[in-house]
PDB file of all heavy atoms in Angstrom:
ATOM      1  N   THR A   1     260.063  63.409 166.093  1.00  0.00           N
ATOM      2  CA  THR A   1     259.521  64.743 165.888  1.00  0.00           C
ATOM      3  C   THR A   1     258.323  64.732 164.962  1.00  0.00           C
ATOM      4  O   THR A   1     257.693  65.760 164.764  1.00  0.00           O
ATOM      5  CB  THR A   1     260.602  65.676 165.292  1.00  0.00           C
ATOM      6  OG1 THR A   1     261.075  65.098 164.076  1.00  0.00           O
ATOM      7  CG2 THR A   1     261.750  65.865 166.268  1.00  0.00           C
ATOM      8  N   SER A   2     258.003  63.582 164.391  1.00  0.00           N
ATOM      9  CA  SER A   2     256.833  63.525 163.528  1.00  0.00           C
ATOM     10  C   SER A   2     255.576  63.522 164.391  1.00  0.00           C
ATOM     11  O   SER A   2     255.498  62.849 165.402  1.00  0.00           O
ATOM     12  CB  SER A   2     256.867  62.282 162.634  1.00  0.00           C
ATOM     13  OG  SER A   2     256.818  61.130 163.423  1.00  0.00           O
ATOM     14  N   ALA A   3     254.608  64.305 163.962  1.00  0.00           N
ATOM     15  CA  ALA A   3     253.380  64.433 164.743  1.00  0.00           C
ATOM     16  C   ALA A   3     252.288  63.554 164.154  1.00  0.00           C
ATOM     17  O   ALA A   3     252.045  63.564 162.955  1.00  0.00           O
ATOM     18  CB  ALA A   3     252.938  65.886 164.764  1.00  0.00           C
ATOM     19  N   ALA A   4     251.652  62.776 165.002  1.00  0.00           N
ATOM     20  CA  ALA A   4     250.507  61.985 164.579  1.00  0.00           C
ATOM     21  C   ALA A   4     249.261  62.847 164.736  1.00  0.00           C
ATOM     22  O   ALA A   4     249.193  63.675 165.639  1.00  0.00           O
ATOM     23  CB  ALA A   4     250.405  60.731 165.439  1.00  0.00           C
ATOM     24  N   PRO A   5     248.283  62.667 163.870  1.00  0.00           N
ATOM     25  CA  PRO A   5     247.068  63.471 164.011  1.00  0.00           C
ATOM     26  C   PRO A   5     246.360  63.162 165.333  1.00  0.00           C
ATOM     27  O   PRO A   5     246.165  62.009 165.681  1.00  0.00           O
ATOM     28  CB  PRO A   5     246.204  63.055 162.835  1.00  0.00           C
ATOM     29  CG  PRO A   5     246.932  61.993 162.108  1.00  0.00           C
ATOM     30  CD  PRO A   5     248.258  61.773 162.746  1.00  0.00           C
ATOM     31  N   CYS A   6     246.028  64.194 166.047  1.00  0.00           N
ATOM     32  CA  CYS A   6     245.347  64.037 167.336  1.00  0.00           C
ATOM     33  C   CYS A   6     243.975  64.683 167.297  1.00  0.00           C
ATOM     34  O   CYS A   6     243.454  65.098 168.332  1.00  0.00           O
ATOM     35  CB  CYS A   6     246.193  64.648 168.443  1.00  0.00           C
ATOM     36  SG  CYS A   6     247.749  63.813 168.715  1.00  0.00           S
ATOM     37  N   ASP A   7     243.378  64.773 166.116  1.00  0.00           N
ATOM     38  CA  ASP A   7     242.067  65.407 165.986  1.00  0.00           C
ATOM     39  C   ASP A   7     240.997  64.684 166.792  1.00  0.00           C
ATOM     40  O   ASP A   7     240.019  65.299 167.211  1.00  0.00           O
ATOM     41  CB  ASP A   7     241.641  65.458 164.515  1.00  0.00           C
ATOM     42  CG  ASP A   7     242.566  66.303 163.668  1.00  0.00           C
ATOM     43  OD1 ASP A   7     243.309  67.130 164.245  1.00  0.00           O
ATOM     44  OD2 ASP A   7     242.562  66.123 162.443  1.00  0.00           O
ATOM     45  N   TRP A   8     241.155  63.398 166.995  1.00  0.00           N
ATOM     46  CA  TRP A   8     240.166  62.602 167.712  1.00  0.00           C
ATOM     47  C   TRP A   8     240.201  62.850 169.208  1.00  0.00           C
ATOM     48  O   TRP A   8     239.259  62.541 169.923  1.00  0.00           O
ATOM     49  CB  TRP A   8     240.389  61.117 167.435  1.00  0.00           C
ATOM     50  CG  TRP A   8     241.773  60.662 167.835  1.00  0.00           C
ATOM     51  CD1 TRP A   8     242.892  60.696 167.077  1.00  0.00           C
ATOM     52  CD2 TRP A   8     242.164  60.154 169.116  1.00  0.00           C
ATOM     53  NE1 TRP A   8     243.969  60.221 167.802  1.00  0.00           N
ATOM     54  CE2 TRP A   8     243.544  59.880 169.054  1.00  0.00           C
ATOM     55  CE3 TRP A   8     241.484  59.887 170.304  1.00  0.00           C
ATOM     56  CZ2 TRP A   8     244.259  59.371 170.124  1.00  0.00           C
ATOM     57  CZ3 TRP A   8     242.208  59.371 171.372  1.00  0.00           C
ATOM     58  CH2 TRP A   8     243.581  59.118 171.274  1.00  0.00           C
ATOM     59  N   LEU A   9     241.304  63.437 169.701  1.00  0.00           N
ATOM     60  CA  LEU A   9     241.486  63.634 171.134  1.00  0.00           C
ATOM     61  C   LEU A   9     240.953  65.003 171.545  1.00  0.00           C
ATOM     62  O   LEU A   9     241.287  66.014 170.926  1.00  0.00           O
ATOM     63  CB  LEU A   9     242.975  63.538 171.473  1.00  0.00           C
ATOM     64  CG  LEU A   9     243.389  63.397 172.910  1.00  0.00           C
ATOM     65  CD1 LEU A   9     242.807  62.125 173.520  1.00  0.00           C
ATOM     66  CD2 LEU A   9     244.896  63.355 173.024  1.00  0.00           C
ATOM     67  N   PRO A  10     240.111  65.059 172.567  1.00  0.00           N
ATOM     68  CA  PRO A  10     239.607  66.354 173.030  1.00  0.00           C
ATOM     69  C   PRO A  10     240.756  67.268 173.458  1.00  0.00           C
ATOM     70  O   PRO A  10     241.778  66.800 173.982  1.00  0.00           O
ATOM     71  CB  PRO A  10     238.727  65.997 174.229  1.00  0.00           C
ATOM     72  CG  PRO A  10     238.404  64.555 174.068  1.00  0.00           C
ATOM     73  CD  PRO A  10     239.558  63.947 173.337  1.00  0.00           C
ATOM     74  N   ASP A  11     240.609  68.562 173.250  1.00  0.00           N
ATOM     75  CA  ASP A  11     241.666  69.528 173.560  1.00  0.00           C
ATOM     76  C   ASP A  11     242.129  69.441 175.012  1.00  0.00           C
ATOM     77  O   ASP A  11     243.317  69.599 175.295  1.00  0.00           O
ATOM     78  CB  ASP A  11     241.206  70.951 173.258  1.00  0.00           C
ATOM     79  CG  ASP A  11     241.112  71.225 171.772  1.00  0.00           C
ATOM     80  OD1 ASP A  11     241.699  70.453 170.980  1.00  0.00           O
ATOM     81  OD2 ASP A  11     240.447  72.221 171.403  1.00  0.00           O
ATOM     82  N   HIS A  12     241.207  69.183 175.941  1.00  0.00           N
ATOM     83  CA  HIS A  12     241.585  69.148 177.346  1.00  0.00           C
ATOM     84  C   HIS A  12     242.411  67.916 177.711  1.00  0.00           C
ATOM     85  O   HIS A  12     242.906  67.805 178.833  1.00  0.00           O
ATOM     86  CB  HIS A  12     240.341  69.261 178.249  1.00  0.00           C
ATOM     87  CG  HIS A  12     239.447  68.061 178.205  1.00  0.00           C
ATOM     88  ND1 HIS A  12     238.491  67.901 177.231  1.00  0.00           N
ATOM     89  CD2 HIS A  12     239.367  66.970 179.009  1.00  0.00           C
ATOM     90  CE1 HIS A  12     237.848  66.759 177.444  1.00  0.00           C
ATOM     91  NE2 HIS A  12     238.361  66.171 178.511  1.00  0.00           N
ATOM     92  N   GLN A  13     242.603  66.980 176.758  1.00  0.00           N
ATOM     93  CA  GLN A  13     243.420  65.793 177.021  1.00  0.00           C
ATOM     94  C   GLN A  13     244.705  65.766 176.188  1.00  0.00           C
ATOM     95  O   GLN A  13     245.468  64.808 176.268  1.00  0.00           O
ATOM     96  CB  GLN A  13     242.604  64.539 176.751  1.00  0.00           C
ATOM     97  CG  GLN A  13     241.463  64.367 177.732  1.00  0.00           C
ATOM     98  CD  GLN A  13     240.640  63.119 177.457  1.00  0.00           C
ATOM     99  OE1 GLN A  13     240.654  62.581 176.362  1.00  0.00           O
ATOM    100  NE2 GLN A  13     239.923  62.661 178.464  1.00  0.00           N
ATOM    101  N   LEU A  14     244.953  66.814 175.432  1.00  0.00           N
ATOM    102  CA  LEU A  14     246.150  66.853 174.588  1.00  0.00           C
ATOM    103  C   LEU A  14     247.446  66.805 175.405  1.00  0.00           C
ATOM    104  O   LEU A  14     248.477  66.383 174.893  1.00  0.00           O
ATOM    105  CB  LEU A  14     246.138  68.092 173.698  1.00  0.00           C
ATOM    106  CG  LEU A  14     245.157  68.055 172.537  1.00  0.00           C
ATOM    107  CD1 LEU A  14     245.140  69.393 171.811  1.00  0.00           C
ATOM    108  CD2 LEU A  14     245.498  66.932 171.573  1.00  0.00           C
ATOM    109  N   HIS A  15     247.389  67.209 176.654  1.00  0.00           N
ATOM    110  CA  HIS A  15     248.595  67.212 177.478  1.00  0.00           C
ATOM    111  C   HIS A  15     249.126  65.797 177.741  1.00  0.00           C
ATOM    112  O   HIS A  15     250.289  65.642 178.102  1.00  0.00           O
ATOM    113  CB  HIS A  15     248.329  67.924 178.808  1.00  0.00           C
ATOM    114  CG  HIS A  15     247.366  67.186 179.691  1.00  0.00           C
ATOM    115  ND1 HIS A  15     246.009  67.248 179.518  1.00  0.00           N
ATOM    116  CD2 HIS A  15     247.574  66.352 180.730  1.00  0.00           C
ATOM    117  CE1 HIS A  15     245.419  66.488 180.418  1.00  0.00           C
ATOM    118  NE2 HIS A  15     246.337  65.918 181.168  1.00  0.00           N
ATOM    119  N   VAL A  16     248.320  64.764 177.542  1.00  0.00           N
ATOM    120  CA  VAL A  16     248.788  63.400 177.798  1.00  0.00           C
ATOM    121  C   VAL A  16     249.572  62.813 176.626  1.00  0.00           C
ATOM    122  O   VAL A  16     250.246  61.799 176.783  1.00  0.00           O
ATOM    123  CB  VAL A  16     247.636  62.448 178.163  1.00  0.00           C
ATOM    124  CG1 VAL A  16     246.895  62.926 179.385  1.00  0.00           C
ATOM    125  CG2 VAL A  16     246.693  62.243 177.012  1.00  0.00           C
ATOM    126  N   VAL A  17     249.499  63.440 175.464  1.00  0.00           N
ATOM    127  CA  VAL A  17     250.158  62.891 174.272  1.00  0.00           C
ATOM    128  C   VAL A  17     251.668  62.732 174.476  1.00  0.00           C
ATOM    129  O   VAL A  17     252.217  61.658 174.201  1.00  0.00           O
ATOM    130  CB  VAL A  17     249.827  63.726 173.023  1.00  0.00           C
ATOM    131  CG1 VAL A  17     250.657  63.296 171.827  1.00  0.00           C
ATOM    132  CG2 VAL A  17     248.339  63.637 172.704  1.00  0.00           C
ATOM    133  N   PRO A  18     252.389  63.753 174.966  1.00  0.00           N
ATOM    134  CA  PRO A  18     253.838  63.546 175.181  1.00  0.00           C
ATOM    135  C   PRO A  18     254.145  62.450 176.191  1.00  0.00           C
ATOM    136  O   PRO A  18     255.105  61.695 176.031  1.00  0.00           O
ATOM    137  CB  PRO A  18     254.326  64.905 175.688  1.00  0.00           C
ATOM    138  CG  PRO A  18     253.307  65.885 175.230  1.00  0.00           C
ATOM    139  CD  PRO A  18     252.007  65.139 175.220  1.00  0.00           C
ATOM    140  N   THR A  19     253.319  62.332 177.226  1.00  0.00           N
ATOM    141  CA  THR A  19     253.534  61.285 178.223  1.00  0.00           C
ATOM    142  C   THR A  19     253.334  59.906 177.617  1.00  0.00           C
ATOM    143  O   THR A  19     254.138  58.990 177.845  1.00  0.00           O
ATOM    144  CB  THR A  19     252.575  61.474 179.419  1.00  0.00           C
ATOM    145  OG1 THR A  19     252.811  62.759 179.991  1.00  0.00           O
ATOM    146  CG2 THR A  19     252.790  60.398 180.469  1.00  0.00           C
ATOM    147  N   LEU A  20     252.286  59.736 176.827  1.00  0.00           N
ATOM    148  CA  LEU A  20     252.044  58.447 176.176  1.00  0.00           C
ATOM    149  C   LEU A  20     253.149  58.116 175.180  1.00  0.00           C
ATOM    150  O   LEU A  20     253.557  56.954 175.059  1.00  0.00           O
ATOM    151  CB  LEU A  20     250.679  58.451 175.486  1.00  0.00           C
ATOM    152  CG  LEU A  20     249.472  58.528 176.422  1.00  0.00           C
ATOM    153  CD1 LEU A  20     248.194  58.647 175.614  1.00  0.00           C
ATOM    154  CD2 LEU A  20     249.430  57.335 177.353  1.00  0.00           C
ATOM    155  N   ALA A  21     253.650  59.115 174.481  1.00  0.00           N
ATOM    156  CA  ALA A  21     254.755  58.890 173.547  1.00  0.00           C
ATOM    157  C   ALA A  21     256.002  58.439 174.306  1.00  0.00           C
ATOM    158  O   ALA A  21     256.723  57.537 173.859  1.00  0.00           O
ATOM    159  CB  ALA A  21     255.044  60.155 172.750  1.00  0.00           C
ATOM    160  N   HIS A  22     256.235  59.029 175.473  1.00  0.00           N
ATOM    161  CA  HIS A  22     257.391  58.646 176.286  1.00  0.00           C
ATOM    162  C   HIS A  22     257.240  57.216 176.794  1.00  0.00           C
ATOM    163  O   HIS A  22     258.188  56.430 176.760  1.00  0.00           O
ATOM    164  CB  HIS A  22     257.546  59.623 177.449  1.00  0.00           C
ATOM    165  CG  HIS A  22     258.703  59.329 178.334  1.00  0.00           C
ATOM    166  ND1 HIS A  22     260.009  59.438 177.912  1.00  0.00           N
ATOM    167  CD2 HIS A  22     258.758  58.898 179.619  1.00  0.00           C
ATOM    168  CE1 HIS A  22     260.822  59.099 178.897  1.00  0.00           C
ATOM    169  NE2 HIS A  22     260.081  58.764 179.948  1.00  0.00           N
ATOM    170  N   VAL A  23     256.053  56.872 177.252  1.00  0.00           N
ATOM    171  CA  VAL A  23     255.792  55.508 177.723  1.00  0.00           C
ATOM    172  C   VAL A  23     255.991  54.511 176.585  1.00  0.00           C
ATOM    173  O   VAL A  23     256.595  53.451 176.772  1.00  0.00           O
ATOM    174  CB  VAL A  23     254.366  55.397 178.321  1.00  0.00           C
ATOM    175  CG1 VAL A  23     253.975  53.955 178.558  1.00  0.00           C
ATOM    176  CG2 VAL A  23     254.268  56.208 179.600  1.00  0.00           C
ATOM    177  N   ASP A  24     255.510  54.847 175.409  1.00  0.00           N
ATOM    178  CA  ASP A  24     255.690  53.979 174.248  1.00  0.00           C
ATOM    179  C   ASP A  24     257.165  53.774 173.948  1.00  0.00           C
ATOM    180  O   ASP A  24     257.602  52.659 173.651  1.00  0.00           O
ATOM    181  CB  ASP A  24     254.971  54.586 173.040  1.00  0.00           C
ATOM    182  CG  ASP A  24     254.997  53.674 171.841  1.00  0.00           C
ATOM    183  OD1 ASP A  24     254.482  52.540 171.950  1.00  0.00           O
ATOM    184  OD2 ASP A  24     255.529  54.092 170.788  1.00  0.00           O
ATOM    185  N   GLN A  25     257.940  54.842 174.044  1.00  0.00           N
ATOM    186  CA  GLN A  25     259.387  54.746 173.810  1.00  0.00           C
ATOM    187  C   GLN A  25     260.051  53.854 174.865  1.00  0.00           C
ATOM    188  O   GLN A  25     260.921  53.039 174.546  1.00  0.00           O
ATOM    189  CB  GLN A  25     259.992  56.146 173.830  1.00  0.00           C
ATOM    190  CG  GLN A  25     261.462  56.183 173.504  1.00  0.00           C
ATOM    191  CD  GLN A  25     262.019  57.601 173.568  1.00  0.00           C
ATOM    192  OE1 GLN A  25     261.531  58.437 174.320  1.00  0.00           O
ATOM    193  NE2 GLN A  25     263.036  57.856 172.777  1.00  0.00           N
ATOM    194  N   LEU A  26     259.639  53.986 176.122  1.00  0.00           N
ATOM    195  CA  LEU A  26     260.206  53.152 177.186  1.00  0.00           C
ATOM    196  C   LEU A  26     259.864  51.676 176.988  1.00  0.00           C
ATOM    197  O   LEU A  26     260.716  50.807 177.192  1.00  0.00           O
ATOM    198  CB  LEU A  26     259.701  53.619 178.555  1.00  0.00           C
ATOM    199  CG  LEU A  26     260.238  54.960 179.044  1.00  0.00           C
ATOM    200  CD1 LEU A  26     259.546  55.360 180.344  1.00  0.00           C
ATOM    201  CD2 LEU A  26     261.741  54.914 179.226  1.00  0.00           C
ATOM    202  N   ILE A  27     258.635  51.386 176.576  1.00  0.00           N
ATOM    203  CA  ILE A  27     258.236  49.998 176.327  1.00  0.00           C
ATOM    204  C   ILE A  27     259.075  49.407 175.195  1.00  0.00           C
ATOM    205  O   ILE A  27     259.531  48.263 175.284  1.00  0.00           O
ATOM    206  CB  ILE A  27     256.733  49.917 176.016  1.00  0.00           C
ATOM    207  CG1 ILE A  27     255.925  50.219 177.277  1.00  0.00           C
ATOM    208  CG2 ILE A  27     256.355  48.547 175.454  1.00  0.00           C
ATOM    209  CD1 ILE A  27     254.440  50.400 177.041  1.00  0.00           C
ATOM    210  N   ALA A  28     259.304  50.180 174.146  1.00  0.00           N
ATOM    211  CA  ALA A  28     260.138  49.697 173.036  1.00  0.00           C
ATOM    212  C   ALA A  28     261.564  49.430 173.514  1.00  0.00           C
ATOM    213  O   ALA A  28     262.176  48.418 173.147  1.00  0.00           O
ATOM    214  CB  ALA A  28     260.132  50.709 171.898  1.00  0.00           C
ATOM    215  N   HIS A  29     262.085  50.308 174.348  1.00  0.00           N
ATOM    216  CA  HIS A  29     263.451  50.141 174.863  1.00  0.00           C
ATOM    217  C   HIS A  29     263.551  48.890 175.746  1.00  0.00           C
ATOM    218  O   HIS A  29     264.484  48.090 175.605  1.00  0.00           O
ATOM    219  CB  HIS A  29     263.856  51.389 175.649  1.00  0.00           C
ATOM    220  CG  HIS A  29     265.248  51.354 176.174  1.00  0.00           C
ATOM    221  ND1 HIS A  29     266.353  51.405 175.353  1.00  0.00           N
ATOM    222  CD2 HIS A  29     265.720  51.252 177.433  1.00  0.00           C
ATOM    223  CE1 HIS A  29     267.449  51.342 176.086  1.00  0.00           C
ATOM    224  NE2 HIS A  29     267.083  51.247 177.363  1.00  0.00           N
ATOM    225  N   ILE A  30     262.603  48.713 176.634  1.00  0.00           N
ATOM    226  CA  ILE A  30     262.594  47.533 177.507  1.00  0.00           C
ATOM    227  C   ILE A  30     262.437  46.255 176.686  1.00  0.00           C
ATOM    228  O   ILE A  30     263.082  45.240 176.968  1.00  0.00           O
ATOM    229  CB  ILE A  30     261.483  47.650 178.565  1.00  0.00           C
ATOM    230  CG1 ILE A  30     261.841  48.752 179.557  1.00  0.00           C
ATOM    231  CG2 ILE A  30     261.245  46.341 179.284  1.00  0.00           C
ATOM    232  CD1 ILE A  30     260.720  49.156 180.478  1.00  0.00           C
ATOM    233  N   SER A  31     261.613  46.308 175.652  1.00  0.00           N
ATOM    234  CA  SER A  31     261.436  45.136 174.790  1.00  0.00           C
ATOM    235  C   SER A  31     262.743  44.748 174.118  1.00  0.00           C
ATOM    236  O   SER A  31     263.057  43.559 174.006  1.00  0.00           O
ATOM    237  CB  SER A  31     260.377  45.414 173.722  1.00  0.00           C
ATOM    238  OG  SER A  31     259.126  45.631 174.317  1.00  0.00           O
ATOM    239  N   ARG A  32     263.511  45.741 173.662  1.00  0.00           N
ATOM    240  CA  ARG A  32     264.814  45.445 173.054  1.00  0.00           C
ATOM    241  C   ARG A  32     265.762  44.826 174.069  1.00  0.00           C
ATOM    242  O   ARG A  32     266.491  43.874 173.760  1.00  0.00           O
ATOM    243  CB  ARG A  32     265.427  46.714 172.454  1.00  0.00           C
ATOM    244  CG  ARG A  32     264.820  47.121 171.141  1.00  0.00           C
ATOM    245  CD  ARG A  32     265.621  48.207 170.457  1.00  0.00           C
ATOM    246  NE  ARG A  32     265.743  49.412 171.278  1.00  0.00           N
ATOM    247  CZ  ARG A  32     264.886  50.420 171.259  1.00  0.00           C
ATOM    248  NH1 ARG A  32     263.837  50.382 170.483  1.00  0.00           N
ATOM    249  NH2 ARG A  32     265.078  51.476 172.023  1.00  0.00           N
ATOM    250  N   ILE A  33     265.766  45.336 175.289  1.00  0.00           N
ATOM    251  CA  ILE A  33     266.642  44.796 176.340  1.00  0.00           C
ATOM    252  C   ILE A  33     266.270  43.346 176.639  1.00  0.00           C
ATOM    253  O   ILE A  33     267.139  42.474 176.711  1.00  0.00           O
ATOM    254  CB  ILE A  33     266.561  45.662 177.615  1.00  0.00           C
ATOM    255  CG1 ILE A  33     267.209  47.023 177.373  1.00  0.00           C
ATOM    256  CG2 ILE A  33     267.210  44.953 178.798  1.00  0.00           C
ATOM    257  CD1 ILE A  33     266.997  48.013 178.495  1.00  0.00           C
ATOM    258  N   VAL A  34     264.976  43.098 176.821  1.00  0.00           N
ATOM    259  CA  VAL A  34     264.522  41.736 177.127  1.00  0.00           C
ATOM    260  C   VAL A  34     264.827  40.796 175.964  1.00  0.00           C
ATOM    261  O   VAL A  34     265.285  39.664 176.170  1.00  0.00           O
ATOM    262  CB  VAL A  34     263.019  41.729 177.475  1.00  0.00           C
ATOM    263  CG1 VAL A  34     262.481  40.315 177.557  1.00  0.00           C
ATOM    264  CG2 VAL A  34     262.773  42.467 178.774  1.00  0.00           C
ATOM    265  N   HIS A  35     264.598  41.249 174.742  1.00  0.00           N
ATOM    266  CA  HIS A  35     264.885  40.406 173.576  1.00  0.00           C
ATOM    267  C   HIS A  35     266.364  40.061 173.507  1.00  0.00           C
ATOM    268  O   HIS A  35     266.728  38.907 173.297  1.00  0.00           O
ATOM    269  CB  HIS A  35     264.444  41.096 172.291  1.00  0.00           C
ATOM    270  CG  HIS A  35     264.807  40.326 171.074  1.00  0.00           C
ATOM    271  ND1 HIS A  35     265.998  40.530 170.403  1.00  0.00           N
ATOM    272  CD2 HIS A  35     264.165  39.338 170.408  1.00  0.00           C
ATOM    273  CE1 HIS A  35     266.060  39.698 169.376  1.00  0.00           C
ATOM    274  NE2 HIS A  35     264.964  38.971 169.364  1.00  0.00           N
TER     275      HIS A  35
END
């Protein structure tokens, strides 16, 4: 639930932030499984 600053991201691209966060979470989960 902690928010990272997204000031660098144009407003019209803010909708991708939750998707990228989800992808990051999936990569971490897969990395734990593989490890």
